[in-house]
Protein backbone atom coordinates (compact mmCIF):
# COMPACT_ATOMS: atom_id res chain seq x y z
CA MET A 1 -21.33 8.69 -17.87
CA ALA A 2 -18.26 8.04 -15.82
CA GLN A 3 -17.35 4.78 -14.25
CA PHE A 4 -14.89 3.81 -11.45
CA VAL A 5 -13.96 0.66 -9.57
CA VAL A 6 -13.65 0.55 -5.82
CA ARG A 7 -11.03 -2.00 -4.77
CA ASN A 8 -10.49 -3.63 -1.33
CA LEU A 9 -14.00 -3.04 -0.24
CA ASP A 10 -14.76 -4.93 3.00
CA ASP A 11 -16.99 -7.96 2.67
CA ASP A 12 -19.33 -6.63 5.30
CA VAL A 13 -19.68 -3.25 3.51
CA LYS A 14 -20.56 -5.04 0.25
CA ALA A 15 -23.13 -7.24 2.11
CA ALA A 16 -24.68 -4.17 3.81
CA LEU A 17 -24.92 -2.44 0.34
CA LYS A 18 -26.65 -5.50 -1.11
CA ARG A 19 -29.10 -5.58 1.84
CA ARG A 20 -29.89 -1.89 1.43
CA ALA A 21 -30.38 -2.27 -2.35
CA ARG A 22 -32.64 -5.28 -1.85
CA ALA A 23 -34.71 -3.38 0.74
CA HIS A 24 -35.09 -0.45 -1.71
CA GLY A 25 -35.90 -2.70 -4.66
CA TRP A 26 -32.99 -1.76 -6.88
CA SER A 27 -29.51 -2.89 -7.83
CA MET A 28 -26.38 -2.49 -5.70
CA GLU A 29 -24.95 -0.13 -8.32
CA GLU A 30 -28.07 1.99 -8.10
CA GLU A 31 -27.79 1.98 -4.28
CA VAL A 32 -24.20 3.13 -4.56
CA ARG A 33 -25.07 5.87 -7.04
CA ARG A 34 -27.81 7.21 -4.73
CA ILE A 35 -25.47 7.15 -1.70
CA LEU A 36 -22.80 9.02 -3.67
CA ARG A 37 -25.31 11.56 -5.08
CA ARG A 38 -26.63 12.26 -1.60
CA ALA A 39 -23.10 12.63 -0.19
CA VAL A 40 -21.91 15.13 -2.74
CA ASN A 41 -25.08 17.17 -2.69
CA GLU A 42 -25.49 17.60 1.10
CA THR A 43 -24.67 20.95 2.63
CA PRO A 44 -21.45 20.60 4.63
CA ALA A 45 -21.75 21.30 8.31
CA GLU A 46 -20.57 24.70 9.40
CA SER A 47 -17.04 24.61 10.75
CA THR A 48 -16.68 26.19 14.22
CA GLY A 49 -13.86 26.68 16.59
CA LEU A 50 -13.22 24.56 19.71
CA GLY A 51 -14.46 27.39 22.05
CA THR A 52 -17.69 27.73 20.19
CA LYS A 53 -18.25 23.99 20.24
CA ILE A 54 -17.58 23.90 24.03
CA SER A 55 -19.82 26.87 24.62
CA ALA A 56 -22.73 25.21 22.66
CA ARG A 57 -22.12 21.93 24.48
CA PHE A 58 -22.49 23.54 27.95
CA SER A 59 -25.05 26.29 27.06
CA ASP A 60 -27.62 24.76 29.30
CA VAL A 61 -25.46 24.78 32.50
CA GLY A 62 -25.23 28.45 33.11
CA LEU A 63 -22.22 29.43 30.83
CA ASP A 64 -23.30 33.09 30.14
CA GLN A 65 -20.26 34.37 28.19
CA PRO A 66 -18.69 33.06 25.03
CA LEU A 67 -15.39 31.24 25.34
CA SER A 68 -12.42 32.80 23.54
CA GLU A 69 -10.71 30.86 20.84
CA VAL A 70 -7.12 29.73 21.67
CA ARG A 71 -5.13 29.81 18.39
CA GLY A 72 -1.46 30.44 17.97
CA GLN A 73 -0.79 31.07 21.62
CA GLU A 74 1.96 29.50 23.56
CA ILE A 75 0.73 27.24 26.32
CA GLU A 76 2.76 27.00 29.53
CA PRO A 77 3.43 23.43 30.49
CA MET A 78 2.13 22.37 33.84
CA ALA A 79 4.80 22.28 36.61
CA LEU A 80 5.50 18.88 37.86
CA ASP A 81 7.64 19.73 40.84
CA ASP A 82 7.52 17.37 43.78
């Protein structure tokens, strides 16, 4: 089995890991192993574009057409004439 060392771990993170381990009834090392196992085995969230995220966010307020993605397009700066 592999081993590695985590340097410069914040004291509050270490304390929280100890509390979690104690609550689960196992060692801090086992707690970290389980956290790492869960982290690498979880299915990554689907990556969506900004327009899709905005559309989903406001879907309940009457937006009835999908927003187009803005990628690689030049954006005209706003005119700041007095």
